[in-house]
């Protein structure tokens, strides 16, 4: 096989893009941090949506 057609046996973490490394590692601090704040973020966004809808109804 030529160098272009044979699969690469090495996958050094430094050669991968940061996004691919992040997707490949579920224990990454960024993902675990997001998983920790996701419920609070969802609740805050739902509350903000309710407040916005309330103000829209009042202003009509």
Protein backbone atom coordinates (compact mmCIF):
# COMPACT_ATOMS: atom_id res chain seq x y z
CA UNK A 1 0.00 0.00 0.00
CA UNK A 2 1.09 3.51 -0.57
CA UNK A 3 1.39 6.08 2.16
CA UNK A 4 -1.77 7.83 0.99
CA UNK A 5 -4.05 4.78 1.00
CA UNK A 6 -2.99 2.95 4.13
CA UNK A 7 -4.81 3.84 7.33
CA UNK A 8 -2.89 5.85 9.83
CA UNK A 9 -1.97 3.82 12.89
CA UNK A 10 -1.12 6.84 14.97
CA UNK A 11 -3.63 9.24 16.41
CA UNK A 12 -1.61 11.49 18.67
CA UNK A 13 -3.76 13.82 20.76
CA UNK A 14 -1.66 16.80 19.71
CA UNK A 15 -2.42 16.19 16.04
CA UNK A 16 -6.18 16.06 16.52
CA UNK A 17 -8.25 19.22 16.53
CA UNK A 18 -9.44 20.39 19.98
CA UNK A 19 -13.09 19.76 19.05
CA UNK A 20 -12.39 16.16 18.03
CA UNK A 21 -10.36 15.60 21.19
CA UNK A 22 -13.24 17.06 23.22
CA UNK A 23 -15.79 14.81 21.51
CA UNK A 24 -13.58 11.76 22.00
CA UNK A 25 -13.09 12.35 25.73
CA UNK A 26 -16.36 12.43 27.73
CA UNK A 27 -14.48 13.09 30.96
CA UNK A 28 -13.13 16.39 29.63
CA UNK A 29 -13.45 19.18 32.24
CA UNK A 30 -15.38 21.41 29.83
CA UNK A 31 -18.03 18.73 29.24
CA UNK A 32 -18.33 17.82 32.88
CA UNK A 33 -18.65 21.50 33.77
CA UNK A 34 -21.40 21.97 31.21
CA UNK A 35 -23.19 18.87 32.44
CA UNK A 36 -23.08 20.30 35.95
CA UNK A 37 -24.67 23.64 35.01
CA UNK A 38 -27.03 22.41 32.27
CA UNK A 39 -30.09 21.89 34.54
CA UNK A 40 -29.71 25.34 36.12
CA UNK A 41 -29.17 26.93 32.74
CA UNK A 42 -32.29 25.25 31.35
CA UNK A 43 -34.36 26.37 34.34
CA UNK A 44 -33.09 29.95 34.05
CA UNK A 45 -33.87 30.05 30.34
CA UNK A 46 -37.37 28.64 30.92
CA UNK A 47 -38.00 31.26 33.60
CA UNK A 48 -36.73 34.03 31.32
CA UNK A 49 -39.06 32.80 28.59
CA UNK A 50 -42.03 32.89 30.97
CA UNK A 51 -41.15 36.43 32.05
CA UNK A 52 -40.86 37.54 28.42
CA UNK A 53 -44.22 35.97 27.52
CA UNK A 54 -45.82 37.64 30.54
CA UNK A 55 -44.50 41.07 29.53
CA UNK A 56 -45.67 40.50 25.95
CA UNK A 57 -49.18 39.65 27.17
CA UNK A 58 -49.25 42.67 29.47
CA UNK A 59 -48.07 45.07 26.78
CA UNK A 60 -50.83 44.11 24.31
